[in-house]
Amino acid sequence: MHRGNLSDLLAFVAVGQERSFTKAAAKLGVSQSALSRTIRGLEERLGLRLLTRTTRSVSPTEAGERLLHTVGPRFEEIEAELAALSELREKPAGTIRITATDYAATRSSGRNSRSSCSSIPTSKSRS
């Protein structure tokens, strides 16, 4: 799928959910005219009218409603997963390697280092 198609679909979902080019343009951070051209281009590529426009309202056509109900939840799922992934950034992860002499390793690798490692859920301690 071409990258432009995804951004066009995202624009369509915004207009379909907001039922307004003005609100959708503000939400997406683009001008109303740019958003209108994007939707028009999407409709031309699909060969279907997705939105019924009047001077006072915007509403999806039957094809637009079908696309909105199919694609809209997918974008919401993607956004939710990206938010969940960002939580992983805040958790420490990885391997810490400590190089020490035999004497230092035997003196410090006792219970204290293991107990401190057990406080980190994803850590492993090797002797």
Protein backbone atom coordinates (compact mmCIF):
# COMPACT_ATOMS: atom_id res chain seq x y z
CA MET A 1 0.00 0.00 0.00
CA HIS A 2 1.28 3.43 -0.88
CA ARG A 3 2.13 5.65 2.10
CA GLY A 4 -0.10 8.43 0.75
CA ASN A 5 -3.08 6.10 0.93
CA LEU A 6 -2.61 5.72 4.68
CA SER A 7 -2.48 9.47 5.28
CA ASP A 8 -5.48 9.94 3.00
CA LEU A 9 -7.42 7.30 4.92
CA LEU A 10 -6.43 8.93 8.20
CA ALA A 11 -7.72 12.25 6.85
CA PHE A 12 -10.96 10.59 5.77
CA VAL A 13 -11.44 9.00 9.20
CA ALA A 14 -10.90 12.37 10.88
CA VAL A 15 -13.51 14.05 8.67
CA GLY A 16 -15.92 11.13 9.06
CA GLN A 17 -15.63 11.11 12.84
CA GLU A 18 -15.76 14.88 13.28
CA ARG A 19 -18.43 15.36 10.59
CA SER A 20 -16.67 18.63 9.83
CA PHE A 21 -13.78 19.68 7.61
CA THR A 22 -13.01 22.56 9.98
CA LYS A 23 -12.70 20.36 13.09
CA ALA A 24 -10.86 17.59 11.23
CA ALA A 25 -8.39 20.07 9.71
CA ALA A 26 -7.68 21.52 13.16
CA LYS A 27 -7.24 18.02 14.59
CA LEU A 28 -4.79 17.07 11.82
CA GLY A 29 -3.02 20.41 11.72
CA VAL A 30 -3.72 21.12 8.05
CA SER A 31 -5.78 23.70 6.20
CA GLN A 32 -9.39 23.01 5.23
CA SER A 33 -8.57 23.36 1.56
CA ALA A 34 -5.67 20.88 1.77
CA LEU A 35 -7.90 18.43 3.60
CA SER A 36 -10.65 18.86 1.02
CA ARG A 37 -8.17 18.20 -1.82
CA THR A 38 -6.90 15.09 0.00
CA ILE A 39 -10.43 13.69 0.37
CA ARG A 40 -11.27 14.55 -3.24
CA GLY A 41 -8.12 12.75 -4.43
CA LEU A 42 -8.98 9.68 -2.35
CA GLU A 43 -12.50 9.63 -3.78
CA GLU A 44 -11.12 9.92 -7.33
CA ARG A 45 -8.64 7.07 -6.81
CA LEU A 46 -11.35 4.83 -5.36
CA GLY A 47 -13.91 5.90 -7.95
CA LEU A 48 -16.47 6.37 -5.17
CA ARG A 49 -17.96 9.32 -3.38
CA LEU A 50 -17.22 8.87 0.34
CA LEU A 51 -18.70 12.07 1.75
CA THR A 52 -21.80 14.11 1.05
CA ARG A 53 -20.92 17.78 1.45
CA THR A 54 -23.30 20.67 1.90
CA THR A 55 -22.52 24.22 2.99
CA ARG A 56 -23.52 23.32 6.55
CA SER A 57 -22.68 19.66 7.03
CA VAL A 58 -20.58 16.69 6.02
CA SER A 59 -21.82 13.14 6.23
CA PRO A 60 -20.54 9.82 4.92
CA THR A 61 -22.20 8.12 2.01
CA GLU A 62 -23.03 4.43 2.27
CA ALA A 63 -19.54 3.58 0.96
CA GLY A 64 -18.01 6.15 3.28
CA GLU A 65 -19.83 4.77 6.29
CA ARG A 66 -18.66 1.27 5.44
CA LEU A 67 -15.05 2.42 5.07
CA LEU A 68 -15.25 4.49 8.26
CA HIS A 69 -16.52 1.53 10.31
CA THR A 70 -13.86 -0.77 8.85
CA VAL A 71 -10.80 1.49 8.92
CA GLY A 72 -11.55 3.76 11.90
CA PRO A 73 -11.19 1.09 14.61
CA ARG A 74 -7.94 -0.14 13.03
CA PHE A 75 -6.35 3.29 13.37
CA GLU A 76 -7.55 3.45 16.98
CA GLU A 77 -5.96 0.04 17.65
CA ILE A 78 -2.67 1.21 16.13
CA GLU A 79 -2.68 4.39 18.23
CA ALA A 80 -3.41 2.37 21.39
CA GLU A 81 -0.58 -0.06 20.66
CA LEU A 82 1.87 2.76 20.00
CA ALA A 83 0.90 4.31 23.33
CA ALA A 84 1.41 0.94 25.06
CA LEU A 85 4.84 0.58 23.46
CA SER A 86 5.89 3.98 24.72
CA GLU A 87 5.43 2.67 28.28
CA LEU A 88 8.28 0.23 27.64
CA ARG A 89 10.64 3.17 27.23
CA GLU A 90 10.25 3.98 30.90
CA LYS A 91 11.25 0.51 32.15
CA PRO A 92 14.94 -0.34 32.46
CA ALA A 93 15.98 -3.21 30.21
CA GLY A 94 19.15 -4.67 28.82
CA THR A 95 22.32 -6.35 29.97
CA ILE A 96 24.79 -4.89 32.42
CA ARG A 97 28.23 -6.44 32.30
CA ILE A 98 30.66 -5.89 35.12
CA THR A 99 34.31 -6.80 34.72
CA ALA A 100 36.14 -7.44 37.98
CA THR A 101 39.05 -9.39 39.35
CA ASP A 102 38.39 -12.81 40.87
CA TYR A 103 38.82 -11.42 44.35
CA ALA A 104 36.37 -8.55 43.82
CA ALA A 105 33.88 -10.83 42.09
CA THR A 106 33.85 -13.39 44.90
CA ARG A 107 33.62 -10.70 47.58
CA SER A 108 30.77 -8.78 45.94
CA SER A 109 28.77 -11.47 44.14
CA GLY A 110 27.10 -12.69 47.30
CA ARG A 111 23.55 -12.19 48.42
CA ASN A 112 23.56 -8.41 48.07
CA SER A 113 23.98 -8.34 44.29
CA ARG A 114 21.37 -11.06 43.80
CA SER A 115 18.84 -9.33 46.03
CA SER A 116 19.33 -6.03 44.22
CA CYS A 117 18.82 -7.79 40.88
CA SER A 118 15.63 -9.42 42.09
CA SER A 119 14.08 -5.99 42.61
CA ILE A 120 14.21 -5.49 38.82
CA PRO A 121 11.61 -7.82 37.28
CA THR A 122 13.47 -8.47 34.02
CA SER A 123 16.97 -8.83 35.47
CA LYS A 124 19.08 -11.99 35.65
CA SER A 125 22.04 -12.64 37.89
CA ARG A 126 24.84 -15.05 36.96
CA SER A 127 27.58 -16.33 39.19
